[in-house]
PDB file of N, CA and C in Angstrom:
ATOM      1  N   MET A   1     -56.252 133.747-100.880  1.00  0.00           N
ATOM      2  CA  MET A   1     -56.375 132.299-100.855  1.00  0.00           C
ATOM      3  C   MET A   1     -56.203 131.818 -99.416  1.00  0.00           C
ATOM      4  N   GLU A   2     -57.101 130.968 -99.003  1.00  0.00           N
ATOM      5  CA  GLU A   2     -57.022 130.433 -97.655  1.00  0.00           C
ATOM      6  C   GLU A   2     -56.213 129.148 -97.653  1.00  0.00           C
ATOM      7  N   GLY A   3     -55.462 128.963 -96.576  1.00  0.00           N
ATOM      8  CA  GLY A   3     -54.704 127.736 -96.427  1.00  0.00           C
ATOM      9  C   GLY A   3     -55.593 126.613 -95.921  1.00  0.00           C
ATOM     10  N   PHE A   4     -55.058 125.443 -95.895  1.00  0.00           N
ATOM     11  CA  PHE A   4     -55.782 124.255 -95.434  1.00  0.00           C
ATOM     12  C   PHE A   4     -55.919 124.298 -93.927  1.00  0.00           C
ATOM     13  N   ASP A   5     -57.093 123.995 -93.444  1.00  0.00           N
ATOM     14  CA  ASP A   5     -57.346 123.980 -92.003  1.00  0.00           C
ATOM     15  C   ASP A   5     -57.039 122.585 -91.466  1.00  0.00           C
ATOM     16  N   TRP A   6     -55.817 122.407 -91.007  1.00  0.00           N
ATOM     17  CA  TRP A   6     -55.378 121.113 -90.515  1.00  0.00           C
ATOM     18  C   TRP A   6     -56.092 120.707 -89.235  1.00  0.00           C
ATOM     19  N   GLU A   7     -56.600 121.666 -88.496  1.00  0.00           N
ATOM     20  CA  GLU A   7     -57.289 121.362 -87.232  1.00  0.00           C
ATOM     21  C   GLU A   7     -58.616 120.649 -87.481  1.00  0.00           C
ATOM     22  N   GLU A   8     -59.340 121.056 -88.528  1.00  0.00           N
ATOM     23  CA  GLU A   8     -60.655 120.465 -88.788  1.00  0.00           C
ATOM     24  C   GLU A   8     -60.562 119.123 -89.509  1.00  0.00           C
ATOM     25  N   THR A   9     -59.500 118.875 -90.230  1.00  0.00           N
ATOM     26  CA  THR A   9     -59.348 117.629 -90.971  1.00  0.00           C
ATOM     27  C   THR A   9     -58.160 116.869 -90.415  1.00  0.00           C
ATOM     28  N   SER A  10     -58.400 116.143 -89.362  1.00  0.00           N
ATOM     29  CA  SER A  10     -57.324 115.399 -88.730  1.00  0.00           C
ATOM     30  C   SER A  10     -57.065 114.061 -89.427  1.00  0.00           C
ATOM     31  N   ASP A  11     -58.035 113.587 -90.215  1.00  0.00           N
ATOM     32  CA  ASP A  11     -57.913 112.285 -90.868  1.00  0.00           C
ATOM     33  C   ASP A  11     -58.040 112.460 -92.374  1.00  0.00           C
ATOM     34  N   LEU A  12     -56.904 112.541 -93.063  1.00  0.00           N
ATOM     35  CA  LEU A  12     -56.934 112.722 -94.515  1.00  0.00           C
ATOM     36  C   LEU A  12     -57.509 111.500 -95.237  1.00  0.00           C
ATOM     37  N   THR A  13     -57.530 110.347 -94.571  1.00  0.00           N
ATOM     38  CA  THR A  13     -58.099 109.160 -95.204  1.00  0.00           C
ATOM     39  C   THR A  13     -59.616 109.279 -95.354  1.00  0.00           C
ATOM     40  N   ALA A  14     -60.234 110.228 -94.636  1.00  0.00           N
ATOM     41  CA  ALA A  14     -61.678 110.431 -94.717  1.00  0.00           C
ATOM     42  C   ALA A  14     -62.060 111.418 -95.816  1.00  0.00           C
ATOM     43  N   VAL A  15     -61.075 112.015 -96.469  1.00  0.00           N
ATOM     44  CA  VAL A  15     -61.334 113.009 -97.511  1.00  0.00           C
ATOM     45  C   VAL A  15     -61.359 112.295 -98.862  1.00  0.00           C
ATOM     46  N   SER A  16     -62.296 112.688 -99.733  1.00  0.00           N
ATOM     47  CA  SER A  16     -62.400 112.043-101.040  1.00  0.00           C
ATOM     48  C   SER A  16     -61.171 112.326-101.901  1.00  0.00           C
ATOM     49  N   GLU A  17     -60.972 111.491-102.915  1.00  0.00           N
ATOM     50  CA  GLU A  17     -59.825 111.655-103.814  1.00  0.00           C
ATOM     51  C   GLU A  17     -59.881 112.999-104.536  1.00  0.00           C
ATOM     52  N   ASN A  18     -61.063 113.393-104.981  1.00  0.00           N
ATOM     53  CA  ASN A  18     -61.197 114.690-105.659  1.00  0.00           C
ATOM     54  C   ASN A  18     -60.861 115.846-104.722  1.00  0.00           C
ATOM     55  N   GLU A  19     -61.326 115.752-103.486  1.00  0.00           N
ATOM     56  CA  GLU A  19     -61.005 116.801-102.509  1.00  0.00           C
ATOM     57  C   GLU A  19     -59.505 116.857-102.241  1.00  0.00           C
ATOM     58  N   LEU A  20     -58.870 115.677-102.171  1.00  0.00           N
ATOM     59  CA  LEU A  20     -57.418 115.642-101.965  1.00  0.00           C
ATOM     60  C   LEU A  20     -56.685 116.279-103.139  1.00  0.00           C
ATOM     61  N   LYS A  21     -57.129 116.002-104.362  1.00  0.00           N
ATOM     62  CA  LYS A  21     -56.506 116.606-105.539  1.00  0.00           C
ATOM     63  C   LYS A  21     -56.675 118.123-105.534  1.00  0.00           C
ATOM     64  N   GLU A  22     -57.875 118.586-105.186  1.00  0.00           N
ATOM     65  CA  GLU A  22     -58.121 120.028-105.098  1.00  0.00           C
ATOM     66  C   GLU A  22     -57.246 120.661-104.013  1.00  0.00           C
ATOM     67  N   LEU A  23     -57.155 119.987-102.884  1.00  0.00           N
ATOM     68  CA  LEU A  23     -56.322 120.462-101.789  1.00  0.00           C
ATOM     69  C   LEU A  23     -54.860 120.532-102.215  1.00  0.00           C
ATOM     70  N   LEU A  24     -54.393 119.491-102.889  1.00  0.00           N
ATOM     71  CA  LEU A  24     -53.017 119.458-103.366  1.00  0.00           C
ATOM     72  C   LEU A  24     -52.744 120.626-104.307  1.00  0.00           C
ATOM     73  N   GLU A  25     -53.655 120.891-105.222  1.00  0.00           N
ATOM     74  CA  GLU A  25     -53.475 122.006-106.161  1.00  0.00           C
ATOM     75  C   GLU A  25     -53.488 123.348-105.431  1.00  0.00           C
ATOM     76  N   ARG A  26     -54.388 123.520-104.480  1.00  0.00           N
ATOM     77  CA  ARG A  26     -54.437 124.784-103.714  1.00  0.00           C
ATOM     78  C   ARG A  26     -53.151 124.994-102.930  1.00  0.00           C
ATOM     79  N   LEU A  27     -52.678 123.936-102.281  1.00  0.00           N
ATOM     80  CA  LEU A  27     -51.452 124.059-101.501  1.00  0.00           C
ATOM     81  C   LEU A  27     -50.238 124.294-102.395  1.00  0.00           C
ATOM     82  N   ALA A  28     -50.207 123.641-103.559  1.00  0.00           N
ATOM     83  CA  ALA A  28     -49.103 123.849-104.499  1.00  0.00           C
ATOM     84  C   ALA A  28     -49.103 125.296-104.996  1.00  0.00           C
ATOM     85  N   GLU A  29     -50.281 125.830-105.280  1.00  0.00           N
ATOM     86  CA  GLU A  29     -50.379 127.233-105.719  1.00  0.00           C
ATOM     87  C   GLU A  29     -49.951 128.172-104.592  1.00  0.00           C
ATOM     88  N   GLU A  30     -50.383 127.889-103.387  1.00  0.00           N
ATOM     89  CA  GLU A  30     -49.981 128.704-102.241  1.00  0.00           C
ATOM     90  C   GLU A  30     -48.464 128.681-102.063  1.00  0.00           C
ATOM     91  N   GLU A  31     -47.870 127.495-102.243  1.00  0.00           N
ATOM     92  CA  GLU A  31     -46.416 127.363-102.121  1.00  0.00           C
ATOM     93  C   GLU A  31     -45.714 128.170-103.209  1.00  0.00           C
ATOM     94  N   ARG A  32     -46.237 128.145-104.436  1.00  0.00           N
ATOM     95  CA  ARG A  32     -45.641 128.924-105.532  1.00  0.00           C
ATOM     96  C   ARG A  32     -45.700 130.418-105.222  1.00  0.00           C
ATOM     97  N   GLU A  33     -46.833 130.871-104.694  1.00  0.00           N
ATOM     98  CA  GLU A  33     -46.982 132.287-104.349  1.00  0.00           C
ATOM     99  C   GLU A  33     -46.000 132.694-103.247  1.00  0.00           C
ATOM    100  N   ILE A  34     -45.872 131.861-102.245  1.00  0.00           N
ATOM    101  CA  ILE A  34     -44.949 132.150-101.144  1.00  0.00           C
ATOM    102  C   ILE A  34     -43.511 132.143-101.654  1.00  0.00           C
ATOM    103  N   SER A  35     -43.184 131.169-102.487  1.00  0.00           N
ATOM    104  CA  SER A  35     -41.834 131.074-103.035  1.00  0.00           C
ATOM    105  C   SER A  35     -41.500 132.301-103.876  1.00  0.00           C
ATOM    106  N   TYR A  36     -42.446 132.742-104.695  1.00  0.00           N
ATOM    107  CA  TYR A  36     -42.230 133.939-105.521  1.00  0.00           C
ATOM    108  C   TYR A  36     -42.013 135.160-104.631  1.00  0.00           C
ATOM    109  N   ARG A  37     -42.846 135.307-103.626  1.00  0.00           N
ATOM    110  CA  ARG A  37     -42.729 136.448-102.703  1.00  0.00           C
ATOM    111  C   ARG A  37     -41.370 136.425-101.991  1.00  0.00           C
ATOM    112  N   ARG A  38     -40.916 135.243-101.583  1.00  0.00           N
ATOM    113  CA  ARG A  38     -39.624 135.124-100.921  1.00  0.00           C
ATOM    114  C   ARG A  38     -38.490 135.546-101.856  1.00  0.00           C
ATOM    115  N   ARG A  39     -38.571 135.133-103.130  1.00  0.00           N
ATOM    116  CA  ARG A  39     -37.533 135.519-104.094  1.00  0.00           C
ATOM    117  C   ARG A  39     -37.516 137.025-104.326  1.00  0.00           C
ATOM    118  N   VAL A  40     -38.697 137.634-104.397  1.00  0.00           N
ATOM    119  CA  VAL A  40     -38.769 139.087-104.565  1.00  0.00           C
ATOM    120  C   VAL A  40     -38.144 139.785-103.362  1.00  0.00           C
ATOM    121  N   LEU A  41     -38.503 139.346-102.165  1.00  0.00           N
ATOM    122  CA  LEU A  41     -37.946 139.945-100.952  1.00  0.00           C
ATOM    123  C   LEU A  41     -36.440 139.748-100.879  1.00  0.00           C
ATOM    124  N   GLN A  42     -35.961 138.549-101.229  1.00  0.00           N
ATOM    125  CA  GLN A  42     -34.520 138.297-101.194  1.00  0.00           C
ATOM    126  C   GLN A  42     -33.800 139.190-102.185  1.00  0.00           C
ATOM    127  N   GLY A  43     -34.383 139.412-103.345  1.00  0.00           N
ATOM    128  CA  GLY A  43     -33.791 140.314-104.325  1.00  0.00           C
ATOM    129  C   GLY A  43     -33.696 141.734-103.796  1.00  0.00           C
ATOM    130  N   ARG A  44     -34.742 142.193-103.136  1.00  0.00           N
ATOM    131  CA  ARG A  44     -34.717 143.539-102.550  1.00  0.00           C
ATOM    132  C   ARG A  44     -33.671 143.643-101.443  1.00  0.00           C
ATOM    133  N   ILE A  45     -33.584 142.600-100.626  1.00  0.00           N
ATOM    134  CA  ILE A  45     -32.567 142.576 -99.569  1.00  0.00           C
ATOM    135  C   ILE A  45     -31.174 142.649-100.182  1.00  0.00           C
ATOM    136  N   ASP A  46     -30.935 141.869-101.242  1.00  0.00           N
ATOM    137  CA  ASP A  46     -29.634 141.880-101.899  1.00  0.00           C
ATOM    138  C   ASP A  46     -29.311 143.255-102.480  1.00  0.00           C
ATOM    139  N   LEU A  47     -30.312 143.912-103.083  1.00  0.00           N
ATOM    140  CA  LEU A  47     -30.085 145.261-103.621  1.00  0.00           C
ATOM    141  C   LEU A  47     -29.703 146.247-102.521  1.00  0.00           C
ATOM    142  N   ILE A  48     -30.406 146.181-101.411  1.00  0.00           N
ATOM    143  CA  ILE A  48     -30.109 147.088-100.298  1.00  0.00           C
ATOM    144  C   ILE A  48     -28.721 146.795 -99.731  1.00  0.00           C
ATOM    145  N   ARG A  49     -28.406 145.513 -99.565  1.00  0.00           N
ATOM    146  CA  ARG A  49     -27.076 145.160 -99.050  1.00  0.00           C
ATOM    147  C   ARG A  49     -25.975 145.646 -99.988  1.00  0.00           C
ATOM    148  N   SER A  50     -26.169 145.442-101.292  1.00  0.00           N
ATOM    149  CA  SER A  50     -25.128 145.862-102.227  1.00  0.00           C
ATOM    150  C   SER A  50     -24.987 147.384-102.231  1.00  0.00           C
ATOM    151  N   GLU A  51     -26.083 148.103-102.068  1.00  0.00           N
ATOM    152  CA  GLU A  51     -25.998 149.569-101.998  1.00  0.00           C
ATOM    153  C   GLU A  51     -25.280 149.995-100.720  1.00  0.00           C
ATOM    154  N   LEU A  52     -25.555 149.326 -99.609  1.00  0.00           N
ATOM    155  CA  LEU A  52     -24.858 149.655 -98.366  1.00  0.00           C
ATOM    156  C   LEU A  52     -23.371 149.344 -98.479  1.00  0.00           C
ATOM    157  N   VAL A  53     -23.035 148.235 -99.147  1.00  0.00           N
ATOM    158  CA  VAL A  53     -21.631 147.907 -99.362  1.00  0.00           C
ATOM    159  C   VAL A  53     -20.991 148.984-100.238  1.00  0.00           C
ATOM    160  N   ARG A  54     -21.687 149.380-101.300  1.00  0.00           N
ATOM    161  CA  ARG A  54     -21.161 150.406-102.202  1.00  0.00           C
ATOM    162  C   ARG A  54     -20.878 151.705-101.452  1.00  0.00           C
ATOM    163  N   ARG A  55     -21.750 152.026-100.517  1.00  0.00           N
ATOM    164  CA  ARG A  55     -21.578 153.254 -99.733  1.00  0.00           C
ATOM    165  C   ARG A  55     -20.555 153.091 -98.615  1.00  0.00           C
ATOM    166  N   GLY A  56     -20.101 151.875 -98.395  1.00  0.00           N
ATOM    167  CA  GLY A  56     -19.129 151.632 -97.341  1.00  0.00           C
ATOM    168  C   GLY A  56     -19.735 151.572 -95.952  1.00  0.00           C
ATOM    169  N   SER A  57     -21.058 151.440 -95.875  1.00  0.00           N
ATOM    170  CA  SER A  57     -21.745 151.425 -94.586  1.00  0.00           C
ATOM    171  C   SER A  57     -21.930 150.036 -94.010  1.00  0.00           C
ATOM    172  N   LEU A  58     -21.628 149.027 -94.800  1.00  0.00           N
ATOM    173  CA  LEU A  58     -21.887 147.663 -94.358  1.00  0.00           C
ATOM    174  C   LEU A  58     -20.681 146.805 -94.692  1.00  0.00           C
ATOM    175  N   SER A  59     -20.271 146.045 -93.734  1.00  0.00           N
ATOM    176  CA  SER A  59     -19.132 145.157 -93.949  1.00  0.00           C
ATOM    177  C   SER A  59     -19.653 143.730 -94.090  1.00  0.00           C
ATOM    178  N   LEU A  60     -19.347 143.098 -95.209  1.00  0.00           N
ATOM    179  CA  LEU A  60     -19.748 141.720 -95.445  1.00  0.00           C
ATOM    180  C   LEU A  60     -18.509 140.840 -95.517  1.00  0.00           C
ATOM    181  N   SER A  61     -18.699 139.580 -95.202  1.00  0.00           N
ATOM    182  CA  SER A  61     -17.607 138.625 -95.374  1.00  0.00           C
ATOM    183  C   SER A  61     -17.340 138.500 -96.872  1.00  0.00           C
ATOM    184  N   PRO A  62     -16.163 138.041 -97.259  1.00  0.00           N
ATOM    185  CA  PRO A  62     -15.884 137.866 -98.695  1.00  0.00           C
ATOM    186  C   PRO A  62     -16.910 136.968 -99.390  1.00  0.00           C
ATOM    187  N   GLU A  63     -17.375 135.925 -98.706  1.00  0.00           N
ATOM    188  CA  GLU A  63     -18.369 135.025 -99.293  1.00  0.00           C
ATOM    189  C   GLU A  63     -19.700 135.735 -99.500  1.00  0.00           C
ATOM    190  N   GLU A  64     -20.121 136.508 -98.485  1.00  0.00           N
ATOM    191  CA  GLU A  64     -21.376 137.241 -98.613  1.00  0.00           C
ATOM    192  C   GLU A  64     -21.290 138.297 -99.707  1.00  0.00           C
ATOM    193  N   LEU A  65     -20.175 139.003 -99.763  1.00  0.00           N
ATOM    194  CA  LEU A  65     -19.992 140.022-100.778  1.00  0.00           C
ATOM    195  C   LEU A  65     -20.024 139.401-102.176  1.00  0.00           C
ATOM    196  N   ALA A  66     -19.353 138.280-102.359  1.00  0.00           N
ATOM    197  CA  ALA A  66     -19.359 137.608-103.660  1.00  0.00           C
ATOM    198  C   ALA A  66     -20.774 137.191-104.033  1.00  0.00           C
ATOM    199  N   ARG A  67     -21.514 136.661-103.083  1.00  0.00           N
ATOM    200  CA  ARG A  67     -22.888 136.230-103.340  1.00  0.00           C
ATOM    201  C   ARG A  67     -23.743 137.411-103.773  1.00  0.00           C
ATOM    202  N   VAL A  68     -23.628 138.531-103.068  1.00  0.00           N
ATOM    203  CA  VAL A  68     -24.420 139.712-103.398  1.00  0.00           C
ATOM    204  C   VAL A  68     -24.042 140.241-104.774  1.00  0.00           C
ATOM    205  N   LEU A  69     -22.753 140.353-105.038  1.00  0.00           N
ATOM    206  CA  LEU A  69     -22.303 140.927-106.303  1.00  0.00           C
ATOM    207  C   LEU A  69     -22.601 140.023-107.493  1.00  0.00           C
ATOM    208  N   MET A  70     -22.636 138.710-107.257  1.00  0.00           N
ATOM    209  CA  MET A  70     -22.935 137.768-108.333  1.00  0.00           C
ATOM    210  C   MET A  70     -24.432 137.540-108.490  1.00  0.00           C
ATOM    211  N   GLY A  71     -25.218 138.116-107.590  1.00  0.00           N
ATOM    212  CA  GLY A  71     -26.673 138.007-107.691  1.00  0.00           C
ATOM    213  C   GLY A  71     -27.223 136.663-107.275  1.00  0.00           C
ATOM    214  N   ARG A  72     -26.460 135.917-106.498  1.00  0.00           N
ATOM    215  CA  ARG A  72     -26.933 134.603-106.053  1.00  0.00           C
ATOM    216  C   ARG A  72     -27.687 134.762-104.741  1.00  0.00           C
ATOM    217  N   GLN A  73     -28.658 133.869-104.561  1.00  0.00           N
ATOM    218  CA  GLN A  73     -29.416 133.854-103.325  1.00  0.00           C
ATOM    219  C   GLN A  73     -28.865 132.774-102.422  1.00  0.00           C
ATOM    220  N   GLU A  74     -29.059 132.966-101.130  1.00  0.00           N
ATOM    221  CA  GLU A  74     -28.611 131.955-100.181  1.00  0.00           C
ATOM    222  C   GLU A  74     -29.301 130.635-100.495  1.00  0.00           C
ATOM    223  N   GLY A  75     -28.535 129.565-100.412  1.00  0.00           N
ATOM    224  CA  GLY A  75     -29.088 128.241-100.660  1.00  0.00           C
ATOM    225  C   GLY A  75     -28.920 127.784-102.098  1.00  0.00           C
ATOM    226  N   GLU A  76     -28.591 128.697-103.021  1.00  0.00           N
ATOM    227  CA  GLU A  76     -28.357 128.304-104.401  1.00  0.00           C
ATOM    228  C   GLU A  76     -26.988 127.651-104.516  1.00  0.00           C
ATOM    229  N   PRO A  77     -26.805 126.763-105.479  1.00  0.00           N
ATOM    230  CA  PRO A  77     -25.488 126.160-105.679  1.00  0.00           C
ATOM    231  C   PRO A  77     -24.451 127.248-105.961  1.00  0.00           C
ATOM    232  N   GLY A  78     -23.331 127.135-105.308  1.00  0.00           N
ATOM    233  CA  GLY A  78     -22.262 128.111-105.487  1.00  0.00           C
ATOM    234  C   GLY A  78     -22.426 129.359-104.651  1.00  0.00           C
ATOM    235  N   ALA A  79     -23.523 129.437-103.885  1.00  0.00           N
ATOM    236  CA  ALA A  79     -23.753 130.626-103.053  1.00  0.00           C
ATOM    237  C   ALA A  79     -23.111 130.462-101.707  1.00  0.00           C
TER     238      ALA A  79
END
């Protein structure tokens, strides 16, 4: 999926309503895909960190350790 070319469309007021709706849907889908990929990567990072902690190879702060062990991602409430 290609992203929106902001360089070629400097004036959104010149774009039709249907084109704007299509653009909005494409960008929303792109955002969902990026968000999903970020969550997958964060989960993998957390697994690796917890394994390193388990092996005693990585020292985390108590807050970071609690976050990893509780399965919370950074930015979540209580994380």
